[in-house]
C-alpha atoms as a PDB file:
ATOM      1  CA  MET A   1      98.782  -6.548 -25.388  1.00  0.00           C
ATOM      2  CA  SER A   2      96.334  -7.282 -22.590  1.00  0.00           C
ATOM      3  CA  LEU A   3      94.179  -9.817 -24.456  1.00  0.00           C
ATOM      4  CA  ALA A   4      97.244 -11.605 -25.961  1.00  0.00           C
ATOM      5  CA  LYS A   5      98.407 -12.187 -22.169  1.00  0.00           C
ATOM      6  CA  HIS A   6      95.043 -13.036 -21.340  1.00  0.00           C
ATOM      7  CA  MET A   7      94.933 -15.988 -23.859  1.00  0.00           C
ATOM      8  CA  TYR A   8      98.569 -17.010 -23.058  1.00  0.00           C
ATOM      9  CA  GLU A   9      97.745 -17.325 -19.683  1.00  0.00           C
ATOM     10  CA  SER A  10      94.195 -18.716 -19.992  1.00  0.00           C
ATOM     11  CA  ARG A  11      94.771 -20.791 -22.968  1.00  0.00           C
ATOM     12  CA  ASP A  12      91.988 -19.634 -24.176  1.00  0.00           C
ATOM     13  CA  PHE A  13      92.384 -18.391 -27.777  1.00  0.00           C
ATOM     14  CA  SER A  14      88.839 -17.926 -28.588  1.00  0.00           C
ATOM     15  CA  PRO A  15      89.522 -14.042 -28.807  1.00  0.00           C
ATOM     16  CA  MET A  16      91.913 -13.942 -31.835  1.00  0.00           C
ATOM     17  CA  PRO A  17      89.815 -12.334 -34.546  1.00  0.00           C
ATOM     18  CA  ILE A  18      89.156  -9.980 -31.592  1.00  0.00           C
ATOM     19  CA  LEU A  19      92.918  -9.964 -31.663  1.00  0.00           C
ATOM     20  CA  ALA A  20      93.284  -9.404 -35.294  1.00  0.00           C
ATOM     21  CA  ASP A  21      90.629  -6.543 -35.178  1.00  0.00           C
ATOM     22  CA  ALA A  22      92.706  -4.870 -32.676  1.00  0.00           C
ATOM     23  CA  LEU A  23      95.779  -5.445 -33.865  1.00  0.00           C
ATOM     24  CA  GLN A  24      94.407  -3.748 -37.391  1.00  0.00           C
ATOM     25  CA  ASP A  25      93.201  -0.852 -35.324  1.00  0.00           C
ATOM     26  CA  ALA A  26      96.457  -0.038 -34.061  1.00  0.00           C
ATOM     27  CA  GLY A  27      97.834  -0.010 -37.556  1.00  0.00           C
ATOM     28  CA  CYS A  28      99.282  -3.471 -38.371  1.00  0.00           C
ATOM     29  CA  GLU A  29      99.084  -4.387 -42.102  1.00  0.00           C
ATOM     30  CA  ASP A  30     100.394  -7.576 -41.961  1.00  0.00           C
ATOM     31  CA  ASP A  31      98.615 -10.168 -44.053  1.00  0.00           C
ATOM     32  CA  ALA A  32     100.164 -12.983 -42.432  1.00  0.00           C
ATOM     33  CA  ILE A  33      99.508 -11.620 -38.815  1.00  0.00           C
ATOM     34  CA  LEU A  34      95.672 -10.685 -39.561  1.00  0.00           C
ATOM     35  CA  SER A  35      94.832 -13.997 -41.730  1.00  0.00           C
ATOM     36  CA  HIS A  36      96.270 -15.990 -38.872  1.00  0.00           C
ATOM     37  CA  CYS A  37      94.531 -14.490 -35.959  1.00  0.00           C
ATOM     38  CA  ARG A  38      91.138 -14.664 -38.242  1.00  0.00           C
ATOM     39  CA  ASP A  39      91.319 -18.180 -39.628  1.00  0.00           C
ATOM     40  CA  ALA A  40      88.578 -20.374 -38.326  1.00  0.00           C
ATOM     41  CA  LYS A  41      90.300 -23.570 -38.996  1.00  0.00           C
ATOM     42  CA  GLN A  42      93.739 -22.797 -37.385  1.00  0.00           C
ATOM     43  CA  VAL A  43      94.073 -24.287 -33.698  1.00  0.00           C
ATOM     44  CA  HIS A  44      95.710 -21.771 -31.635  1.00  0.00           C
ATOM     45  CA  VAL A  45      97.512 -23.157 -28.513  1.00  0.00           C
ATOM     46  CA  ARG A  46     100.192 -21.409 -26.230  1.00  0.00           C
ATOM     47  CA  GLY A  47     102.847 -20.886 -28.440  1.00  0.00           C
ATOM     48  CA  CYS A  48     101.140 -19.585 -30.980  1.00  0.00           C
ATOM     49  CA  TRP A  49     103.608 -17.751 -32.914  1.00  0.00           C
ATOM     50  CA  VAL A  50     101.562 -13.892 -33.388  1.00  0.00           C
ATOM     51  CA  VAL A  51     100.478 -14.390 -29.478  1.00  0.00           C
ATOM     52  CA  ASP A  52     104.321 -15.068 -28.656  1.00  0.00           C
ATOM     53  CA  LEU A  53     105.486 -12.339 -30.809  1.00  0.00           C
ATOM     54  CA  LEU A  54     103.410  -9.576 -29.318  1.00  0.00           C
ATOM     55  CA  LEU A  55     104.517 -11.159 -25.605  1.00  0.00           C
ATOM     56  CA  GLY A  56     107.921 -10.904 -26.851  1.00  0.00           C
ATOM     57  CA  LYS A  57     108.574 -14.827 -26.302  1.00  0.00           C
ATOM     58  CA  ALA A  58     109.423 -15.514 -30.021  1.00  0.00           C
END
């Protein structure tokens, strides 16, 4: 949660792959979420559905 909050507030989404690893370590098995976070071609901005979902903004 702290990583997602930091990314949201700083608008620096470069740690998305790290977030994917943390989510997987916490038991997340959702391929859509993990793939989205790890997709190097994906442009992440404030409003990213994964970060919003984690922060309860979705």
